[in-house]
C-alpha atoms as a PDB file:
ATOM      1  CA  MET A   1      -0.017 -11.284 -26.050  1.00  0.00           C
ATOM      2  CA  GLY A   2      -0.946 -11.359 -22.363  1.00  0.00           C
ATOM      3  CA  SER A   3       1.345  -8.521 -21.254  1.00  0.00           C
ATOM      4  CA  LEU A   4       1.163  -4.893 -22.262  1.00  0.00           C
ATOM      5  CA  SER A   5       3.900  -3.441 -24.460  1.00  0.00           C
ATOM      6  CA  ILE A   6       5.764  -0.214 -23.784  1.00  0.00           C
ATOM      7  CA  TRP A   7       3.444   1.630 -26.197  1.00  0.00           C
ATOM      8  CA  HIS A   8       0.400   0.632 -24.165  1.00  0.00           C
ATOM      9  CA  TRP A   9       2.018   2.008 -21.007  1.00  0.00           C
ATOM     10  CA  ILE A  10       2.943   5.269 -22.758  1.00  0.00           C
ATOM     11  CA  VAL A  11      -0.666   5.742 -23.911  1.00  0.00           C
ATOM     12  CA  VAL A  12      -2.015   4.982 -20.410  1.00  0.00           C
ATOM     13  CA  ILE A  13       0.402   7.450 -18.783  1.00  0.00           C
ATOM     14  CA  ALA A  14      -0.475  10.118 -21.356  1.00  0.00           C
ATOM     15  CA  VAL A  15      -4.206   9.703 -20.696  1.00  0.00           C
ATOM     16  CA  VAL A  16      -3.690   9.888 -16.928  1.00  0.00           C
ATOM     17  CA  LEU A  17      -1.605  13.057 -17.286  1.00  0.00           C
ATOM     18  CA  LEU A  18      -4.242  14.621 -19.528  1.00  0.00           C
ATOM     19  CA  LEU A  19      -7.076  13.785 -17.134  1.00  0.00           C
ATOM     20  CA  PHE A  20      -5.435  14.729 -13.862  1.00  0.00           C
ATOM     21  CA  GLY A  21      -2.753  17.158 -14.944  1.00  0.00           C
ATOM     22  CA  ARG A  22       0.796  17.331 -13.714  1.00  0.00           C
ATOM     23  CA  GLY A  23       0.040  19.599 -10.729  1.00  0.00           C
ATOM     24  CA  LYS A  24      -2.760  17.478  -9.298  1.00  0.00           C
ATOM     25  CA  ILE A  25      -0.676  14.305  -9.251  1.00  0.00           C
ATOM     26  CA  SER A  26       2.258  16.001  -7.488  1.00  0.00           C
ATOM     27  CA  ASP A  27      -0.120  17.606  -4.969  1.00  0.00           C
ATOM     28  CA  LEU A  28      -1.720  14.242  -4.326  1.00  0.00           C
ATOM     29  CA  MET A  29       1.642  12.563  -3.760  1.00  0.00           C
ATOM     30  CA  GLY A  30       2.678  15.396  -1.417  1.00  0.00           C
ATOM     31  CA  ASP A  31      -0.502  14.930   0.615  1.00  0.00           C
ATOM     32  CA  VAL A  32       0.122  11.196   0.832  1.00  0.00           C
ATOM     33  CA  ALA A  33       3.691  11.814   2.034  1.00  0.00           C
ATOM     34  CA  GLN A  34       2.477  14.250   4.710  1.00  0.00           C
ATOM     35  CA  GLY A  35      -0.086  11.716   5.885  1.00  0.00           C
ATOM     36  CA  ILE A  36       2.545   9.010   6.200  1.00  0.00           C
ATOM     37  CA  LYS A  37       4.851  11.360   8.151  1.00  0.00           C
ATOM     38  CA  ALA A  38       2.020  12.347  10.508  1.00  0.00           C
ATOM     39  CA  PHE A  39       1.151   8.688  11.063  1.00  0.00           C
ATOM     40  CA  LYS A  40       4.772   7.792  11.892  1.00  0.00           C
ATOM     41  CA  LYS A  41       5.041  10.771  14.267  1.00  0.00           C
ATOM     42  CA  GLY A  42       1.838   9.736  16.002  1.00  0.00           C
ATOM     43  CA  MET A  43       3.104   6.186  16.433  1.00  0.00           C
ATOM     44  CA  GLN A  44       6.365   7.490  17.952  1.00  0.00           C
ATOM     45  CA  ASP A  45       4.443   9.785  20.309  1.00  0.00           C
ATOM     46  CA  ASP A  46       2.330   6.842  21.485  1.00  0.00           C
ATOM     47  CA  ASP A  47       5.478   4.866  22.279  1.00  0.00           C
ATOM     48  CA  LYS A  48       6.949   7.790  24.242  1.00  0.00           C
ATOM     49  CA  VAL A  49       3.750   8.212  26.282  1.00  0.00           C
ATOM     50  CA  ALA A  50       3.673   4.491  27.072  1.00  0.00           C
ATOM     51  CA  GLU A  51       7.273   4.572  28.316  1.00  0.00           C
ATOM     52  CA  LYS A  52       6.724   7.643  30.515  1.00  0.00           C
ATOM     53  CA  SER A  53       3.464   6.535  32.108  1.00  0.00           C
ATOM     54  CA  GLU A  54       3.514   5.673  35.782  1.00  0.00           C
ATOM     55  CA  PRO A  55       2.593   2.199  36.939  1.00  0.00           C
ATOM     56  CA  MET A  56      -1.017   1.830  37.941  1.00  0.00           C
ATOM     57  CA  LYS A  57      -1.715   2.165  41.611  1.00  0.00           C
ATOM     58  CA  SER A  58      -3.899  -0.458  43.173  1.00  0.00           C
ATOM     59  CA  ILE A  59      -6.005  -0.162  46.268  1.00  0.00           C
ATOM     60  CA  ASP A  60      -5.637  -2.930  48.787  1.00  0.00           C
ATOM     61  CA  ASN A  61      -9.095  -3.323  50.354  1.00  0.00           C
ATOM     62  CA  ALA A  62      -7.913  -5.740  53.039  1.00  0.00           C
ATOM     63  CA  SER A  63      -5.576  -3.211  54.655  1.00  0.00           C
ATOM     64  CA  GLN A  64      -8.191  -0.480  54.917  1.00  0.00           C
ATOM     65  CA  THR A  65     -10.682  -0.469  57.744  1.00  0.00           C
ATOM     66  CA  PRO A  66     -14.144   0.732  56.896  1.00  0.00           C
ATOM     67  CA  ALA A  67     -14.749   4.173  58.332  1.00  0.00           C
ATOM     68  CA  ALA A  68     -17.772   4.191  60.570  1.00  0.00           C
ATOM     69  CA  ARG A  69     -19.819   7.259  59.904  1.00  0.00           C
ATOM     70  CA  SER A  70     -22.368   8.010  62.533  1.00  0.00           C
ATOM     71  CA  ASP A  71     -24.327  10.448  60.419  1.00  0.00           C
ATOM     72  CA  VAL A  72     -25.217   8.001  57.642  1.00  0.00           C
ATOM     73  CA  GLY A  73     -28.486   6.158  58.112  1.00  0.00           C
ATOM     74  CA  SER A  74     -28.875   6.998  61.753  1.00  0.00           C
ATOM     75  CA  LYS A  75     -31.464   9.718  61.552  1.00  0.00           C
ATOM     76  CA  ALA A  76     -34.399   8.970  63.781  1.00  0.00           C
ATOM     77  CA  VAL A  77     -37.759   9.943  62.443  1.00  0.00           C
END
């Protein structure tokens, strides 16, 4: 008694087809498939970009000498 029989499922499917129509359901499934394909392509593109990226360059502050600029802050008033 707890599970639905085959006749219940047939009635449910018939009601869904009457409400949404055959064309709307196939269009919806096509849109879902295109979304999944676009998502997978985007994930693959992200992996390719991560592999091709150059290592980050760091600046070593200890090896650089501060440049003395004579024109900064030395204006006499």
